[in-house]
N, C-alpha and C. Protein backbone atom coordinates (compact mmCIF):
# COMPACT_ATOMS: atom_id res chain seq x y z
N UNK A 1 100.36 116.82 -5.37
CA UNK A 1 99.42 115.58 -6.67
C UNK A 1 100.84 114.90 -6.85
N UNK A 2 99.96 113.73 -7.05
CA UNK A 2 100.70 112.77 -7.22
C UNK A 2 101.06 111.83 -9.14
N UNK A 3 102.25 111.77 -9.91
CA UNK A 3 101.82 111.38 -10.98
C UNK A 3 103.32 110.54 -11.24
N UNK A 4 102.67 109.48 -11.96
CA UNK A 4 103.76 108.43 -12.51
C UNK A 4 104.55 108.63 -13.75
N UNK A 5 105.63 108.73 -13.44
CA UNK A 5 106.36 109.03 -14.97
C UNK A 5 107.84 107.89 -15.12
N UNK A 6 108.50 108.10 -16.72
CA UNK A 6 109.83 107.08 -16.32
C UNK A 6 110.81 107.67 -16.50
N UNK A 7 111.90 107.21 -16.61
CA UNK A 7 113.50 107.38 -16.60
C UNK A 7 113.41 106.87 -17.75
N UNK A 8 114.20 107.79 -18.77
CA UNK A 8 114.83 107.91 -20.05
C UNK A 8 115.77 106.81 -20.39
N UNK A 9 116.14 106.19 -21.18
CA UNK A 9 116.97 105.40 -21.56
C UNK A 9 118.93 106.32 -21.18
N UNK A 10 118.46 107.20 -20.95
CA UNK A 10 120.08 108.37 -21.42
C UNK A 10 120.18 109.32 -19.67
N UNK A 11 118.49 108.30 -19.28
CA UNK A 11 118.94 109.19 -17.38
C UNK A 11 117.45 110.25 -17.48
N UNK A 12 117.27 110.63 -19.02
CA UNK A 12 116.27 111.57 -18.72
C UNK A 12 114.73 111.31 -18.10
N UNK A 13 114.95 112.58 -16.87
CA UNK A 13 112.78 112.61 -16.47
C UNK A 13 112.33 113.26 -17.37
N UNK A 14 110.95 112.40 -17.35
CA UNK A 14 110.14 112.88 -18.05
C UNK A 14 108.89 113.50 -17.02
N UNK A 15 108.72 114.60 -16.57
CA UNK A 15 107.38 114.60 -15.60
C UNK A 15 106.22 114.76 -16.83
N UNK A 16 105.02 114.75 -16.44
CA UNK A 16 103.57 114.27 -16.88
C UNK A 16 103.49 116.11 -17.25
N UNK A 17 102.10 116.38 -18.53
CA UNK A 17 102.31 117.20 -19.03
C UNK A 17 101.49 118.88 -17.58
N UNK A 18 100.95 117.68 -16.45
CA UNK A 18 99.96 118.31 -15.54
C UNK A 18 101.10 118.87 -14.15
N UNK A 19 102.34 118.77 -14.49
CA UNK A 19 103.50 118.52 -13.17
C UNK A 19 104.10 119.86 -13.98
N UNK A 20 104.60 119.98 -15.60
CA UNK A 20 105.02 120.96 -15.94
C UNK A 20 104.13 122.08 -15.94
N UNK A 21 103.26 121.50 -16.48
CA UNK A 21 101.99 122.86 -15.86
C UNK A 21 102.07 123.70 -14.95
N UNK A 22 101.62 123.18 -13.65
CA UNK A 22 101.78 123.24 -12.61
C UNK A 22 102.79 124.27 -11.82
N UNK A 23 103.84 123.76 -11.97
CA UNK A 23 104.92 124.28 -11.63
C UNK A 23 106.23 125.84 -12.91
N UNK A 24 105.08 125.54 -14.30
CA UNK A 24 105.37 126.62 -14.97
C UNK A 24 106.63 126.63 -15.60
N UNK A 25 106.90 124.98 -16.11
CA UNK A 25 107.87 124.56 -16.76
C UNK A 25 108.03 124.41 -18.20
N UNK A 26 109.06 125.45 -19.13
CA UNK A 26 109.04 125.13 -20.42
C UNK A 26 109.96 124.78 -21.35
N UNK A 27 109.66 124.33 -22.28
CA UNK A 27 111.12 124.05 -22.68
C UNK A 27 112.39 125.07 -22.30
N UNK A 28 113.25 124.43 -22.17
CA UNK A 28 114.80 124.94 -21.64
C UNK A 28 114.73 125.56 -20.13
N UNK A 29 113.84 125.44 -19.11
CA UNK A 29 113.78 126.65 -18.29
C UNK A 29 114.38 125.49 -17.28
N UNK A 30 115.41 126.51 -16.50
CA UNK A 30 116.32 126.04 -15.74
C UNK A 30 115.35 125.45 -14.66
N UNK A 31 116.05 123.79 -14.07
CA UNK A 31 115.69 124.00 -12.44
C UNK A 31 116.75 123.67 -12.09
N UNK A 32 116.27 123.49 -10.45
CA UNK A 32 117.30 122.60 -9.78
C UNK A 32 116.98 121.46 -8.98
N UNK A 33 117.94 120.72 -9.01
CA UNK A 33 117.74 119.13 -8.80
C UNK A 33 118.38 119.15 -6.76
N UNK A 34 117.17 118.88 -6.11
CA UNK A 34 118.35 117.94 -4.93
C UNK A 34 117.51 116.90 -4.21
N UNK A 35 118.49 116.32 -3.07
CA UNK A 35 117.96 115.11 -2.14
C UNK A 35 117.47 115.37 -0.98
N UNK A 36 116.55 114.93 -0.94
CA UNK A 36 116.02 115.71 0.49
C UNK A 36 115.71 113.66 1.27
N UNK A 37 116.42 113.44 2.70
CA UNK A 37 115.43 112.44 2.85
C UNK A 37 114.79 111.11 1.61
N UNK A 38 115.76 111.15 0.66
CA UNK A 38 115.67 109.78 -0.14
C UNK A 38 115.17 110.11 -1.19
N UNK A 39 114.88 111.64 -1.63
CA UNK A 39 113.58 111.97 -2.27
C UNK A 39 114.31 113.22 -3.18
N UNK A 40 113.65 113.26 -4.87
CA UNK A 40 114.44 113.87 -5.55
C UNK A 40 113.16 115.12 -5.63
N UNK A 41 113.75 116.59 -5.90
CA UNK A 41 113.09 117.60 -4.94
C UNK A 41 113.24 118.05 -6.38
N UNK A 42 112.59 118.90 -6.82
CA UNK A 42 112.81 119.33 -8.64
C UNK A 42 112.19 120.82 -8.36
N UNK A 43 112.71 122.18 -8.95
CA UNK A 43 112.42 123.46 -8.21
C UNK A 43 113.06 124.01 -9.76
N UNK A 44 111.88 124.79 -9.86
CA UNK A 44 112.16 126.33 -11.44
C UNK A 44 113.22 127.01 -10.69
N UNK A 45 113.92 126.90 -11.63
CA UNK A 45 114.58 128.34 -10.97
C UNK A 45 114.73 129.75 -11.64
N UNK A 46 114.33 130.34 -10.45
CA UNK A 46 113.34 131.63 -10.16
C UNK A 46 114.42 132.87 -11.02
N UNK A 47 113.36 133.46 -12.31
CA UNK A 47 114.15 134.89 -13.09
C UNK A 47 114.57 135.63 -11.95
N UNK A 48 115.29 136.73 -12.14
CA UNK A 48 115.43 137.60 -11.87
C UNK A 48 114.79 138.66 -11.51
N UNK A 49 114.11 138.68 -11.79
CA UNK A 49 112.39 139.57 -12.16
C UNK A 49 111.72 139.01 -10.98
N UNK A 50 111.61 137.83 -11.03
CA UNK A 50 110.67 137.36 -10.02
C UNK A 50 111.80 137.15 -8.52
N UNK A 51 112.84 137.10 -8.37
CA UNK A 51 113.29 136.99 -7.47
C UNK A 51 113.51 138.44 -6.72
N UNK A 52 113.40 140.01 -7.35
CA UNK A 52 113.21 141.43 -6.73
C UNK A 52 111.73 141.05 -6.39
N UNK A 53 111.18 140.76 -6.93
CA UNK A 53 109.78 141.02 -6.50
C UNK A 53 109.64 140.38 -5.05
N UNK A 54 110.11 139.20 -4.69
CA UNK A 54 110.09 138.29 -3.61
C UNK A 54 110.35 138.89 -2.43
N UNK A 55 109.43 138.90 -1.19
CA UNK A 55 110.35 139.40 -0.02
C UNK A 55 111.19 138.84 0.33
N UNK A 56 112.11 139.43 0.98
CA UNK A 56 113.51 138.73 1.34
C UNK A 56 113.03 137.78 2.17
N UNK A 57 113.69 136.55 2.01
CA UNK A 57 113.26 135.24 3.19
C UNK A 57 114.63 135.38 4.13
N UNK A 58 115.67 136.20 4.69
CA UNK A 58 116.22 136.37 5.90
C UNK A 58 116.18 138.22 6.22
N UNK A 59 116.44 138.81 7.32
CA UNK A 59 116.82 140.22 6.93
C UNK A 59 118.01 140.05 7.55
N UNK A 60 119.11 141.02 7.27
CA UNK A 60 120.62 140.69 7.74
C UNK A 60 121.42 142.54 7.53
N UNK A 61 121.79 142.91 8.93
CA UNK A 61 121.99 144.39 8.72
C UNK A 61 123.70 144.10 8.02
N UNK A 62 124.43 145.23 7.88
CA UNK A 62 125.81 145.29 6.90
C UNK A 62 126.54 144.63 8.12
N UNK A 63 126.65 144.98 9.77
CA UNK A 63 127.19 145.12 9.88
C UNK A 63 127.05 143.48 10.39
N UNK A 64 126.19 142.73 10.72
CA UNK A 64 125.88 141.18 10.79
C UNK A 64 126.87 140.94 9.41
N UNK A 65 126.75 141.23 8.74
CA UNK A 65 126.90 140.16 7.00
C UNK A 65 128.71 140.69 7.62
N UNK A 66 129.05 141.73 7.85
CA UNK A 66 130.83 141.80 7.75
C UNK A 66 130.70 141.11 9.82
N UNK A 67 130.80 140.97 10.20
CA UNK A 67 130.53 140.31 11.33
C UNK A 67 130.98 138.38 10.83
N UNK A 68 129.94 137.87 10.11
CA UNK A 68 130.07 136.93 9.65
C UNK A 68 130.74 137.14 8.63
N UNK A 69 130.85 137.39 7.72
CA UNK A 69 132.99 137.51 7.00
C UNK A 69 133.72 137.57 7.62
N UNK A 70 134.17 138.36 8.67
CA UNK A 70 134.98 137.70 9.69
C UNK A 70 135.48 136.92 10.16
N UNK A 71 134.24 136.36 10.77
CA UNK A 71 134.17 134.93 11.17
C UNK A 71 134.90 133.85 10.05
N UNK A 72 133.81 133.96 9.06
CA UNK A 72 134.27 132.88 8.01
C UNK A 72 136.30 132.71 7.80
N UNK A 73 136.51 134.19 7.75
CA UNK A 73 137.55 134.30 7.01
C UNK A 73 139.09 133.65 7.84
N UNK A 74 138.90 133.54 8.97
CA UNK A 74 139.23 133.25 10.45
C UNK A 74 139.14 131.90 10.31
N UNK A 75 137.83 131.17 9.81
CA UNK A 75 138.01 129.78 9.83
C UNK A 75 138.41 129.45 8.63
N UNK A 76 138.67 130.01 7.80
CA UNK A 76 139.23 129.66 6.48
C UNK A 76 141.09 129.89 6.76
N UNK A 77 141.10 130.54 7.14
CA UNK A 77 142.99 130.50 7.84
C UNK A 77 143.61 129.75 8.63
N UNK A 78 142.42 128.88 9.49
CA UNK A 78 142.70 127.96 10.13
C UNK A 78 143.52 127.11 9.49
């Protein structure tokens, strides 16, 4: 989907109604802005309920987590 919009005089972004509806953006919805390869990416921040029902993106064991924590602690001490 491609849509054209404008940037307001105070730097506000105004996505079209079509884009807001497609992303489920309602007033006061929190969003994440990030820049990748010179492009602005905007994503809604998922609610806690949405996060709980999603499949995990990675699997990690407690041992792996502890090992990584030790590694990061050692790096921080250097």
